[in-house]
Amino acid sequence: MLKVYPAIFHREDGFWVEFPDLAGCQSCGATLEETMEMATEALGLYLADLVENGKELPPATDISNLTVSDGFANYVSVDVNKYRRNTKAVKKTLSIPAWLAEEAEEKHVSLSKVLQDGLKEKFGY
C-alpha cells in the first residue's frame, strides 16, 4: 500500500523533518539524503502502527496548501506494507517439564501467552 504525505524539512545543524498531518511523526538526519531516508522510515512505521491498530489514515494535505517559513516542503512516499508486522499466529512446538505443564494447566495459565509475553520482554517490545 503506497502512501504519500507532505513533509516539512528544516535545516539546523543537520536537518529535521515533520509531517503536518501526522502528530508526533518526526525524524532527523545529518544530511538531506539521510533525513529523507529517516523520514520515509518514520512515515512507514507511523502509518503501519495506525493500520495495525485499526485506525484510519488521515488524509494528506495538498502540499500547495502548506505555508513554510523556515524550510521547504516535499512529498515523502512509502510502501506501508514494508513496515507492517506479520501478526498471524503460528504454531510452535516446545518442551517443558511435565510438572510445570501440569501446574500451568491446573492454574489455567496460557503457555502461548506466557511465551509471547516473555519474548516481547526479552526483545524490548
N, C-alpha and C. Protein backbone atom coordinates (compact mmCIF):
# COMPACT_ATOMS: atom_id res chain seq x y z
N MET A 1 0.85 -1.16 0.00
CA MET A 1 0.00 0.00 0.00
C MET A 1 0.90 1.24 0.00
N LEU A 2 0.95 1.91 -1.12
CA LEU A 2 1.77 3.11 -1.27
C LEU A 2 0.99 4.33 -0.76
N LYS A 3 1.61 5.09 0.14
CA LYS A 3 1.01 6.32 0.67
C LYS A 3 2.00 7.46 0.49
N VAL A 4 1.46 8.66 0.30
CA VAL A 4 2.27 9.85 0.09
C VAL A 4 1.75 10.95 1.00
N TYR A 5 2.64 11.56 1.77
CA TYR A 5 2.29 12.67 2.65
C TYR A 5 3.29 13.80 2.48
N PRO A 6 2.83 15.04 2.65
CA PRO A 6 3.76 16.15 2.60
C PRO A 6 4.56 16.22 3.91
N ALA A 7 5.81 16.64 3.76
CA ALA A 7 6.69 16.80 4.92
C ALA A 7 7.35 18.16 4.83
N ILE A 8 7.67 18.71 5.98
CA ILE A 8 8.40 19.97 6.03
C ILE A 8 9.79 19.68 6.57
N PHE A 9 10.78 20.03 5.77
CA PHE A 9 12.18 19.83 6.12
C PHE A 9 12.76 21.14 6.65
N HIS A 10 13.43 21.06 7.80
CA HIS A 10 14.04 22.23 8.44
C HIS A 10 15.55 22.00 8.51
N ARG A 11 16.33 23.05 8.32
CA ARG A 11 17.78 22.94 8.41
C ARG A 11 18.24 23.56 9.71
N GLU A 12 18.99 22.78 10.48
CA GLU A 12 19.63 23.29 11.70
C GLU A 12 21.08 22.83 11.61
N ASP A 13 21.59 22.07 12.58
CA ASP A 13 22.94 21.51 12.46
C ASP A 13 22.96 20.48 11.33
N GLY A 14 21.89 19.80 11.16
CA GLY A 14 21.65 18.89 10.05
C GLY A 14 20.28 19.27 9.52
N PHE A 15 19.42 18.27 9.43
CA PHE A 15 18.05 18.53 9.01
C PHE A 15 17.11 17.80 9.97
N TRP A 16 15.92 18.33 10.12
CA TRP A 16 14.86 17.57 10.78
C TRP A 16 13.60 17.75 9.96
N VAL A 17 12.72 16.77 10.08
CA VAL A 17 11.53 16.74 9.23
C VAL A 17 10.31 16.45 10.09
N GLU A 18 9.20 17.07 9.70
CA GLU A 18 7.93 16.83 10.38
C GLU A 18 6.84 16.62 9.34
N PHE A 19 5.81 15.88 9.72
CA PHE A 19 4.66 15.63 8.86
C PHE A 19 3.46 16.35 9.46
N PRO A 20 3.01 17.44 8.84
CA PRO A 20 1.91 18.23 9.41
C PRO A 20 0.62 17.45 9.64
N ASP A 21 0.38 16.42 8.87
CA ASP A 21 -0.87 15.65 9.01
C ASP A 21 -0.79 14.56 10.07
N LEU A 22 0.42 14.30 10.59
CA LEU A 22 0.64 13.17 11.48
C LEU A 22 1.31 13.64 12.77
N ALA A 23 0.51 13.94 13.77
CA ALA A 23 1.03 14.49 15.03
C ALA A 23 2.11 13.61 15.62
N GLY A 24 3.26 14.21 15.87
CA GLY A 24 4.37 13.49 16.51
C GLY A 24 5.25 12.72 15.56
N CYS A 25 4.92 12.68 14.29
CA CYS A 25 5.74 11.95 13.31
C CYS A 25 6.84 12.89 12.82
N GLN A 26 8.05 12.66 13.33
CA GLN A 26 9.21 13.49 13.01
C GLN A 26 10.45 12.62 12.92
N SER A 27 11.48 13.16 12.31
CA SER A 27 12.76 12.49 12.29
C SER A 27 13.84 13.51 11.96
N CYS A 28 15.08 13.05 11.89
CA CYS A 28 16.19 13.96 11.60
C CYS A 28 17.34 13.19 10.97
N GLY A 29 18.31 13.95 10.48
CA GLY A 29 19.49 13.34 9.89
C GLY A 29 20.58 14.39 9.71
N ALA A 30 21.80 13.92 9.48
CA ALA A 30 22.94 14.82 9.30
C ALA A 30 22.94 15.46 7.93
N THR A 31 22.47 14.71 6.92
CA THR A 31 22.44 15.21 5.55
C THR A 31 21.00 15.15 5.05
N LEU A 32 20.77 15.82 3.95
CA LEU A 32 19.43 15.78 3.36
C LEU A 32 19.06 14.35 2.95
N GLU A 33 20.02 13.63 2.38
CA GLU A 33 19.76 12.25 1.96
C GLU A 33 19.39 11.37 3.16
N GLU A 34 20.15 11.49 4.24
CA GLU A 34 19.88 10.70 5.44
C GLU A 34 18.53 11.09 6.03
N THR A 35 18.22 12.37 6.02
CA THR A 35 16.94 12.83 6.56
C THR A 35 15.77 12.30 5.74
N MET A 36 15.92 12.27 4.43
CA MET A 36 14.86 11.71 3.58
C MET A 36 14.67 10.23 3.88
N GLU A 37 15.77 9.50 4.07
CA GLU A 37 15.67 8.08 4.40
C GLU A 37 14.99 7.89 5.75
N MET A 38 15.36 8.70 6.72
CA MET A 38 14.75 8.60 8.04
C MET A 38 13.27 9.03 8.01
N ALA A 39 12.95 10.02 7.16
CA ALA A 39 11.56 10.46 7.02
C ALA A 39 10.70 9.34 6.46
N THR A 40 11.23 8.63 5.48
CA THR A 40 10.49 7.50 4.89
C THR A 40 10.24 6.43 5.94
N GLU A 41 11.25 6.12 6.73
CA GLU A 41 11.09 5.11 7.78
C GLU A 41 10.09 5.57 8.84
N ALA A 42 10.21 6.81 9.28
CA ALA A 42 9.28 7.34 10.29
C ALA A 42 7.85 7.28 9.77
N LEU A 43 7.65 7.69 8.52
CA LEU A 43 6.32 7.66 7.92
C LEU A 43 5.79 6.23 7.85
N GLY A 44 6.63 5.30 7.40
CA GLY A 44 6.21 3.90 7.29
C GLY A 44 5.82 3.30 8.62
N LEU A 45 6.62 3.53 9.65
CA LEU A 45 6.33 2.98 10.97
C LEU A 45 5.07 3.61 11.58
N TYR A 46 4.92 4.91 11.40
CA TYR A 46 3.76 5.62 11.93
C TYR A 46 2.47 5.10 11.29
N LEU A 47 2.46 5.01 9.96
CA LEU A 47 1.26 4.55 9.26
C LEU A 47 0.98 3.08 9.53
N ALA A 48 2.03 2.26 9.60
CA ALA A 48 1.85 0.83 9.90
C ALA A 48 1.20 0.65 11.27
N ASP A 49 1.62 1.47 12.23
CA ASP A 49 1.04 1.39 13.57
C ASP A 49 -0.45 1.74 13.53
N LEU A 50 -0.81 2.76 12.77
CA LEU A 50 -2.23 3.11 12.65
C LEU A 50 -3.02 1.96 12.05
N VAL A 51 -2.50 1.39 10.97
CA VAL A 51 -3.19 0.29 10.29
C VAL A 51 -3.34 -0.91 11.22
N GLU A 52 -2.25 -1.29 11.91
CA GLU A 52 -2.28 -2.47 12.78
C GLU A 52 -3.22 -2.29 13.96
N ASN A 53 -3.47 -1.04 14.35
CA ASN A 53 -4.38 -0.77 15.46
C ASN A 53 -5.78 -0.39 15.01
N GLY A 54 -6.07 -0.62 13.72
CA GLY A 54 -7.41 -0.41 13.19
C GLY A 54 -7.84 1.04 13.09
N LYS A 55 -6.88 1.95 13.05
CA LYS A 55 -7.21 3.37 12.95
C LYS A 55 -7.15 3.82 11.49
N GLU A 56 -7.96 4.82 11.17
CA GLU A 56 -7.98 5.35 9.81
C GLU A 56 -6.76 6.22 9.56
N LEU A 57 -6.25 6.14 8.34
CA LEU A 57 -5.14 7.01 7.96
C LEU A 57 -5.70 8.40 7.65
N PRO A 58 -5.08 9.44 8.23
CA PRO A 58 -5.59 10.78 7.94
C PRO A 58 -5.35 11.14 6.48
N PRO A 59 -6.21 11.98 5.92
CA PRO A 59 -5.98 12.40 4.53
C PRO A 59 -4.73 13.28 4.46
N ALA A 60 -4.04 13.20 3.34
CA ALA A 60 -2.84 14.00 3.14
C ALA A 60 -3.23 15.39 2.65
N THR A 61 -2.65 16.39 3.26
CA THR A 61 -2.86 17.77 2.83
C THR A 61 -2.19 17.99 1.48
N ASP A 62 -2.81 18.79 0.64
CA ASP A 62 -2.18 19.19 -0.62
C ASP A 62 -0.99 20.07 -0.27
N ILE A 63 0.16 19.74 -0.80
CA ILE A 63 1.39 20.45 -0.46
C ILE A 63 1.30 21.95 -0.77
N SER A 64 0.50 22.31 -1.75
CA SER A 64 0.36 23.73 -2.11
C SER A 64 -0.40 24.52 -1.03
N ASN A 65 -1.05 23.83 -0.11
CA ASN A 65 -1.77 24.50 0.98
C ASN A 65 -0.90 24.72 2.21
N LEU A 66 0.35 24.25 2.18
CA LEU A 66 1.24 24.42 3.32
C LEU A 66 1.98 25.75 3.24
N THR A 67 2.13 26.39 4.38
CA THR A 67 2.93 27.61 4.47
C THR A 67 4.19 27.23 5.24
N VAL A 68 5.34 27.42 4.62
CA VAL A 68 6.61 27.05 5.22
C VAL A 68 7.47 28.29 5.32
N SER A 69 7.87 28.65 6.56
CA SER A 69 8.66 29.87 6.72
C SER A 69 10.15 29.58 6.94
N ASP A 70 10.48 28.41 7.47
CA ASP A 70 11.88 28.15 7.78
C ASP A 70 12.35 26.78 7.26
N GLY A 71 12.06 26.50 6.03
CA GLY A 71 12.47 25.24 5.43
C GLY A 71 11.79 25.08 4.09
N PHE A 72 11.54 23.84 3.72
CA PHE A 72 10.85 23.58 2.46
C PHE A 72 9.97 22.36 2.61
N ALA A 73 8.95 22.30 1.79
CA ALA A 73 8.03 21.17 1.81
C ALA A 73 8.33 20.25 0.63
N ASN A 74 8.15 18.96 0.88
CA ASN A 74 8.35 17.96 -0.16
C ASN A 74 7.46 16.76 0.18
N TYR A 75 7.06 16.03 -0.83
CA TYR A 75 6.30 14.81 -0.58
C TYR A 75 7.26 13.68 -0.22
N VAL A 76 6.80 12.82 0.69
CA VAL A 76 7.53 11.60 1.04
C VAL A 76 6.57 10.45 0.79
N SER A 77 7.04 9.44 0.07
CA SER A 77 6.20 8.26 -0.20
C SER A 77 6.78 7.05 0.51
N VAL A 78 5.89 6.11 0.81
CA VAL A 78 6.33 4.90 1.49
C VAL A 78 5.37 3.75 1.17
N ASP A 79 5.93 2.56 1.09
CA ASP A 79 5.13 1.33 0.99
C ASP A 79 4.87 0.88 2.43
N VAL A 80 3.68 1.14 2.93
CA VAL A 80 3.34 0.86 4.33
C VAL A 80 3.51 -0.62 4.65
N ASN A 81 3.21 -1.49 3.70
CA ASN A 81 3.30 -2.93 3.96
C ASN A 81 4.71 -3.38 4.32
N LYS A 82 5.70 -2.64 3.88
CA LYS A 82 7.10 -2.96 4.22
C LYS A 82 7.34 -2.83 5.72
N TYR A 83 6.55 -2.02 6.39
CA TYR A 83 6.75 -1.74 7.81
C TYR A 83 5.75 -2.47 8.72
N ARG A 84 4.84 -3.21 8.14
CA ARG A 84 3.86 -3.93 8.94
C ARG A 84 4.44 -5.24 9.44
N ARG A 85 4.05 -5.60 10.62
CA ARG A 85 4.46 -6.89 11.18
C ARG A 85 3.43 -7.93 10.79
N ASN A 86 3.91 -9.12 10.54
CA ASN A 86 3.00 -10.23 10.29
C ASN A 86 2.49 -10.71 11.64
N THR A 87 1.25 -10.38 11.97
CA THR A 87 0.69 -10.71 13.28
C THR A 87 -0.08 -12.02 13.29
N LYS A 88 0.01 -12.77 12.20
CA LYS A 88 -0.66 -14.07 12.14
C LYS A 88 0.00 -15.02 13.14
N ALA A 89 -0.82 -15.71 13.92
CA ALA A 89 -0.30 -16.67 14.90
C ALA A 89 0.25 -17.91 14.19
N VAL A 90 1.39 -18.38 14.66
CA VAL A 90 1.98 -19.60 14.13
C VAL A 90 2.14 -20.60 15.27
N LYS A 91 1.99 -21.85 14.93
CA LYS A 91 2.10 -22.91 15.93
C LYS A 91 3.56 -23.33 16.07
N LYS A 92 4.05 -23.41 17.31
CA LYS A 92 5.41 -23.84 17.60
C LYS A 92 5.36 -24.96 18.63
N THR A 93 6.23 -25.91 18.46
CA THR A 93 6.33 -27.00 19.42
C THR A 93 7.42 -26.64 20.43
N LEU A 94 7.11 -26.83 21.72
CA LEU A 94 8.11 -26.56 22.74
C LEU A 94 8.06 -27.64 23.80
N SER A 95 9.12 -27.71 24.59
CA SER A 95 9.20 -28.73 25.64
C SER A 95 9.41 -28.05 26.98
N ILE A 96 8.61 -28.47 27.97
CA ILE A 96 8.78 -28.01 29.34
C ILE A 96 8.60 -29.23 30.23
N PRO A 97 9.10 -29.17 31.46
CA PRO A 97 8.92 -30.32 32.36
C PRO A 97 7.44 -30.62 32.60
N ALA A 98 7.13 -31.90 32.74
CA ALA A 98 5.74 -32.32 32.91
C ALA A 98 5.09 -31.65 34.12
N TRP A 99 5.83 -31.56 35.23
CA TRP A 99 5.24 -30.96 36.44
C TRP A 99 4.85 -29.50 36.21
N LEU A 100 5.64 -28.79 35.40
CA LEU A 100 5.36 -27.40 35.11
C LEU A 100 4.13 -27.27 34.21
N ALA A 101 4.02 -28.15 33.23
CA ALA A 101 2.85 -28.16 32.35
C ALA A 101 1.58 -28.46 33.14
N GLU A 102 1.67 -29.42 34.09
CA GLU A 102 0.51 -29.77 34.91
C GLU A 102 0.07 -28.60 35.79
N GLU A 103 1.06 -27.91 36.37
CA GLU A 103 0.72 -26.78 37.24
C GLU A 103 0.11 -25.64 36.42
N ALA A 104 0.64 -25.40 35.25
CA ALA A 104 0.08 -24.36 34.38
C ALA A 104 -1.37 -24.69 34.02
N GLU A 105 -1.62 -25.96 33.71
CA GLU A 105 -2.97 -26.37 33.35
C GLU A 105 -3.92 -26.23 34.53
N GLU A 106 -3.46 -26.63 35.73
CA GLU A 106 -4.30 -26.51 36.93
C GLU A 106 -4.66 -25.05 37.23
N LYS A 107 -3.72 -24.16 36.94
CA LYS A 107 -3.93 -22.74 37.25
C LYS A 107 -4.46 -21.96 36.05
N HIS A 108 -4.82 -22.68 34.99
CA HIS A 108 -5.38 -22.07 33.78
C HIS A 108 -4.48 -20.98 33.20
N VAL A 109 -3.19 -21.30 33.14
CA VAL A 109 -2.21 -20.38 32.58
C VAL A 109 -1.99 -20.74 31.11
N SER A 110 -2.12 -19.77 30.24
CA SER A 110 -1.91 -19.99 28.81
C SER A 110 -0.41 -19.97 28.52
N LEU A 111 0.10 -21.12 28.09
CA LEU A 111 1.53 -21.19 27.77
C LEU A 111 1.87 -20.29 26.58
N SER A 112 0.97 -20.19 25.64
CA SER A 112 1.20 -19.31 24.49
C SER A 112 1.35 -17.86 24.94
N LYS A 113 0.48 -17.43 25.84
CA LYS A 113 0.53 -16.05 26.34
C LYS A 113 1.83 -15.80 27.11
N VAL A 114 2.20 -16.76 27.96
CA VAL A 114 3.42 -16.61 28.75
C VAL A 114 4.64 -16.52 27.82
N LEU A 115 4.67 -17.36 26.79
CA LEU A 115 5.79 -17.33 25.85
C LEU A 115 5.82 -16.02 25.07
N GLN A 116 4.66 -15.56 24.61
CA GLN A 116 4.60 -14.27 23.89
C GLN A 116 5.07 -13.13 24.78
N ASP A 117 4.58 -13.09 26.01
CA ASP A 117 4.97 -12.02 26.93
C ASP A 117 6.47 -12.07 27.22
N GLY A 118 6.98 -13.28 27.42
CA GLY A 118 8.41 -13.43 27.70
C GLY A 118 9.28 -13.00 26.53
N LEU A 119 8.88 -13.37 25.32
CA LEU A 119 9.65 -12.98 24.13
C LEU A 119 9.59 -11.47 23.91
N LYS A 120 8.43 -10.87 24.12
CA LYS A 120 8.31 -9.41 23.98
C LYS A 120 9.22 -8.70 24.98
N GLU A 121 9.23 -9.19 26.21
CA GLU A 121 10.10 -8.59 27.23
C GLU A 121 11.57 -8.77 26.86
N LYS A 122 11.92 -9.94 26.42
CA LYS A 122 13.31 -10.24 26.04
C LYS A 122 13.80 -9.33 24.91
N PHE A 123 12.92 -9.03 23.96
CA PHE A 123 13.29 -8.21 22.80
C PHE A 123 12.99 -6.73 23.01
N GLY A 124 12.47 -6.38 24.18
CA GLY A 124 12.25 -4.98 24.49
C GLY A 124 11.03 -4.35 23.84
N TYR A 125 9.99 -5.17 23.59
CA TYR A 125 8.76 -4.63 22.99
C TYR A 125 7.76 -4.31 24.06
